[in-house]
Amino acid sequence: FIEITSPMVGTFYRAASPESQPFVNVGDHVKEGQTVCIIEAMKLMNDMPSEVSGKIVKVIAENGSTVEYGQPLFLVDPKG
């Protein structure tokens, strides 16, 4: 599997707002460049694009948690 990692330190959000559905769930197919989450850093919301196409096999980060630079957020099966 390939890890999608955080490009910055910030707060990880799976959806655009608390009322919205998550951008991706386990089993979803993503394309390279597709938004998979948002990372809030210094009051700025940054869309996080997928670096690879494939199937999401695991969501590693917890919604609303603080993530570090390089921390794995998702696992993707590029053959999926």
N, C-alpha and C. Protein backbone atom coordinates (compact mmCIF):
# COMPACT_ATOMS: atom_id res chain seq x y z
N PHE A 1 0.83 -1.20 0.00
CA PHE A 1 0.00 0.00 0.00
C PHE A 1 0.87 1.25 0.00
N ILE A 2 0.29 2.35 -0.46
CA ILE A 2 0.98 3.63 -0.49
C ILE A 2 0.34 4.55 0.54
N GLU A 3 1.17 5.23 1.31
CA GLU A 3 0.66 6.17 2.31
C GLU A 3 0.45 7.54 1.69
N ILE A 4 -0.67 8.17 2.04
CA ILE A 4 -0.85 9.60 1.78
C ILE A 4 -0.48 10.27 3.09
N THR A 5 0.51 11.15 3.03
CA THR A 5 1.02 11.76 4.26
C THR A 5 0.69 13.25 4.32
N SER A 6 0.76 13.78 5.51
CA SER A 6 0.48 15.19 5.72
C SER A 6 1.64 16.05 5.24
N PRO A 7 1.35 17.08 4.44
CA PRO A 7 2.43 17.96 3.97
C PRO A 7 2.76 19.08 4.97
N MET A 8 2.04 19.11 6.10
CA MET A 8 2.23 20.20 7.06
C MET A 8 1.71 19.79 8.44
N VAL A 9 2.03 20.60 9.42
CA VAL A 9 1.47 20.43 10.76
C VAL A 9 0.13 21.16 10.79
N GLY A 10 -0.88 20.53 11.36
CA GLY A 10 -2.18 21.18 11.45
C GLY A 10 -3.23 20.24 12.01
N THR A 11 -4.49 20.62 11.83
CA THR A 11 -5.61 19.81 12.30
C THR A 11 -6.25 19.12 11.09
N PHE A 12 -6.44 17.81 11.21
CA PHE A 12 -6.95 16.96 10.13
C PHE A 12 -8.47 16.90 10.19
N TYR A 13 -9.11 17.19 9.06
CA TYR A 13 -10.57 17.07 8.96
C TYR A 13 -10.92 16.22 7.75
N ARG A 14 -11.80 15.26 7.96
CA ARG A 14 -12.22 14.36 6.88
C ARG A 14 -13.29 14.97 5.98
N ALA A 15 -13.97 16.03 6.44
CA ALA A 15 -15.05 16.66 5.68
C ALA A 15 -14.89 18.17 5.68
N ALA A 16 -15.60 18.83 4.76
CA ALA A 16 -15.51 20.29 4.63
C ALA A 16 -16.16 21.01 5.82
N SER A 17 -17.16 20.36 6.44
CA SER A 17 -17.82 20.93 7.61
C SER A 17 -18.36 19.78 8.46
N PRO A 18 -18.72 20.05 9.71
CA PRO A 18 -19.23 18.97 10.56
C PRO A 18 -20.49 18.29 10.01
N GLU A 19 -21.29 19.02 9.22
CA GLU A 19 -22.52 18.46 8.66
C GLU A 19 -22.29 17.71 7.35
N SER A 20 -21.12 17.88 6.73
CA SER A 20 -20.83 17.29 5.43
C SER A 20 -20.36 15.84 5.55
N GLN A 21 -20.54 15.11 4.46
CA GLN A 21 -20.01 13.75 4.37
C GLN A 21 -18.50 13.81 4.21
N PRO A 22 -17.76 12.81 4.67
CA PRO A 22 -16.30 12.78 4.47
C PRO A 22 -15.96 12.81 2.98
N PHE A 23 -14.81 13.39 2.66
CA PHE A 23 -14.36 13.42 1.27
C PHE A 23 -14.19 12.01 0.74
N VAL A 24 -13.60 11.12 1.54
CA VAL A 24 -13.41 9.72 1.15
C VAL A 24 -13.63 8.80 2.34
N ASN A 25 -14.05 7.58 2.05
CA ASN A 25 -14.22 6.53 3.05
C ASN A 25 -13.45 5.30 2.61
N VAL A 26 -13.25 4.36 3.52
CA VAL A 26 -12.62 3.10 3.18
C VAL A 26 -13.44 2.43 2.08
N GLY A 27 -12.74 1.97 1.05
CA GLY A 27 -13.39 1.32 -0.09
C GLY A 27 -13.62 2.25 -1.27
N ASP A 28 -13.51 3.55 -1.04
CA ASP A 28 -13.69 4.52 -2.13
C ASP A 28 -12.47 4.50 -3.05
N HIS A 29 -12.73 4.75 -4.34
CA HIS A 29 -11.65 4.88 -5.31
C HIS A 29 -11.35 6.36 -5.47
N VAL A 30 -10.07 6.70 -5.43
CA VAL A 30 -9.65 8.10 -5.58
C VAL A 30 -8.75 8.22 -6.80
N LYS A 31 -8.74 9.42 -7.35
CA LYS A 31 -7.85 9.72 -8.47
C LYS A 31 -6.78 10.68 -7.99
N GLU A 32 -5.63 10.62 -8.61
CA GLU A 32 -4.56 11.55 -8.26
C GLU A 32 -5.07 12.98 -8.40
N GLY A 33 -4.86 13.79 -7.37
CA GLY A 33 -5.31 15.17 -7.38
C GLY A 33 -6.66 15.40 -6.73
N GLN A 34 -7.40 14.32 -6.44
CA GLN A 34 -8.71 14.43 -5.80
C GLN A 34 -8.53 14.79 -4.32
N THR A 35 -9.35 15.72 -3.83
CA THR A 35 -9.29 16.11 -2.42
C THR A 35 -9.72 14.94 -1.53
N VAL A 36 -8.87 14.61 -0.54
CA VAL A 36 -9.17 13.51 0.38
C VAL A 36 -9.45 14.00 1.80
N CYS A 37 -9.00 15.23 2.12
CA CYS A 37 -9.21 15.78 3.45
C CYS A 37 -8.84 17.26 3.44
N ILE A 38 -9.00 17.89 4.59
CA ILE A 38 -8.58 19.27 4.78
C ILE A 38 -7.63 19.29 5.98
N ILE A 39 -6.59 20.09 5.86
CA ILE A 39 -5.70 20.30 7.00
C ILE A 39 -5.73 21.79 7.31
N GLU A 40 -6.14 22.11 8.55
CA GLU A 40 -6.19 23.50 8.99
C GLU A 40 -4.85 23.85 9.63
N ALA A 41 -4.23 24.90 9.09
CA ALA A 41 -2.96 25.37 9.64
C ALA A 41 -3.02 26.88 9.75
N MET A 42 -2.84 27.38 10.94
CA MET A 42 -2.85 28.82 11.20
C MET A 42 -4.13 29.48 10.67
N LYS A 43 -5.27 28.87 10.97
CA LYS A 43 -6.60 29.36 10.60
C LYS A 43 -6.89 29.31 9.10
N LEU A 44 -6.02 28.68 8.33
CA LEU A 44 -6.25 28.50 6.89
C LEU A 44 -6.62 27.05 6.62
N MET A 45 -7.69 26.85 5.84
CA MET A 45 -8.12 25.51 5.46
C MET A 45 -7.44 25.13 4.14
N ASN A 46 -6.65 24.06 4.17
CA ASN A 46 -5.90 23.62 3.00
C ASN A 46 -6.45 22.30 2.49
N ASP A 47 -6.97 22.29 1.25
CA ASP A 47 -7.41 21.05 0.64
C ASP A 47 -6.19 20.16 0.42
N MET A 48 -6.35 18.90 0.76
CA MET A 48 -5.25 17.94 0.63
C MET A 48 -5.55 16.99 -0.52
N PRO A 49 -4.82 17.10 -1.65
CA PRO A 49 -5.07 16.20 -2.77
C PRO A 49 -4.36 14.86 -2.60
N SER A 50 -4.95 13.83 -3.19
CA SER A 50 -4.31 12.51 -3.19
C SER A 50 -3.10 12.56 -4.11
N GLU A 51 -2.04 11.90 -3.70
CA GLU A 51 -0.82 11.84 -4.50
C GLU A 51 -0.83 10.64 -5.44
N VAL A 52 -1.85 9.78 -5.32
CA VAL A 52 -1.89 8.54 -6.07
C VAL A 52 -3.34 8.16 -6.36
N SER A 53 -3.56 7.42 -7.44
CA SER A 53 -4.88 6.87 -7.74
C SER A 53 -4.96 5.46 -7.14
N GLY A 54 -6.16 5.08 -6.68
CA GLY A 54 -6.34 3.75 -6.13
C GLY A 54 -7.52 3.71 -5.18
N LYS A 55 -7.57 2.65 -4.36
CA LYS A 55 -8.66 2.44 -3.42
C LYS A 55 -8.18 2.73 -2.00
N ILE A 56 -8.98 3.51 -1.25
CA ILE A 56 -8.67 3.78 0.15
C ILE A 56 -8.89 2.49 0.94
N VAL A 57 -7.83 2.02 1.61
CA VAL A 57 -7.96 0.78 2.40
C VAL A 57 -7.97 1.07 3.90
N LYS A 58 -7.47 2.26 4.30
CA LYS A 58 -7.48 2.60 5.72
C LYS A 58 -7.38 4.10 5.90
N VAL A 59 -8.19 4.63 6.84
CA VAL A 59 -8.06 6.02 7.28
C VAL A 59 -7.28 5.95 8.58
N ILE A 60 -6.07 6.49 8.59
CA ILE A 60 -5.20 6.36 9.75
C ILE A 60 -5.42 7.47 10.78
N ALA A 61 -5.51 8.70 10.29
CA ALA A 61 -5.65 9.85 11.20
C ALA A 61 -7.09 9.96 11.72
N GLU A 62 -7.21 10.43 12.93
CA GLU A 62 -8.51 10.63 13.58
C GLU A 62 -9.03 12.02 13.23
N ASN A 63 -10.31 12.11 12.84
CA ASN A 63 -10.92 13.40 12.50
C ASN A 63 -10.77 14.38 13.67
N GLY A 64 -10.30 15.59 13.36
CA GLY A 64 -10.14 16.62 14.38
C GLY A 64 -8.83 16.55 15.15
N SER A 65 -7.99 15.58 14.82
CA SER A 65 -6.72 15.43 15.54
C SER A 65 -5.63 16.29 14.91
N THR A 66 -4.61 16.57 15.71
CA THR A 66 -3.45 17.29 15.21
C THR A 66 -2.54 16.30 14.51
N VAL A 67 -2.08 16.68 13.32
CA VAL A 67 -1.17 15.83 12.55
C VAL A 67 0.16 16.57 12.36
N GLU A 68 1.20 15.79 12.21
CA GLU A 68 2.55 16.31 12.03
C GLU A 68 2.96 16.20 10.56
N TYR A 69 3.96 16.95 10.18
CA TYR A 69 4.51 16.86 8.83
C TYR A 69 4.99 15.43 8.58
N GLY A 70 4.57 14.85 7.46
CA GLY A 70 4.99 13.50 7.10
C GLY A 70 4.20 12.38 7.75
N GLN A 71 3.24 12.71 8.62
CA GLN A 71 2.44 11.68 9.30
C GLN A 71 1.50 11.02 8.29
N PRO A 72 1.42 9.68 8.30
CA PRO A 72 0.48 8.99 7.40
C PRO A 72 -0.98 9.33 7.75
N LEU A 73 -1.78 9.62 6.72
CA LEU A 73 -3.19 9.94 6.91
C LEU A 73 -4.09 8.83 6.36
N PHE A 74 -3.73 8.29 5.22
CA PHE A 74 -4.51 7.25 4.54
C PHE A 74 -3.57 6.21 3.96
N LEU A 75 -4.09 4.98 3.79
CA LEU A 75 -3.41 3.95 3.03
C LEU A 75 -4.21 3.71 1.76
N VAL A 76 -3.52 3.67 0.61
CA VAL A 76 -4.17 3.50 -0.68
C VAL A 76 -3.58 2.28 -1.38
N ASP A 77 -4.47 1.46 -1.96
CA ASP A 77 -4.05 0.33 -2.78
C ASP A 77 -4.06 0.82 -4.23
N PRO A 78 -2.88 1.03 -4.83
CA PRO A 78 -2.84 1.56 -6.20
C PRO A 78 -3.39 0.59 -7.24
N LYS A 79 -3.52 -0.69 -6.87
CA LYS A 79 -4.06 -1.69 -7.79
C LYS A 79 -5.59 -1.79 -7.66
N GLY A 80 -6.14 -1.12 -6.63
CA GLY A 80 -7.56 -1.20 -6.35
C GLY A 80 -8.32 -0.42 -7.32
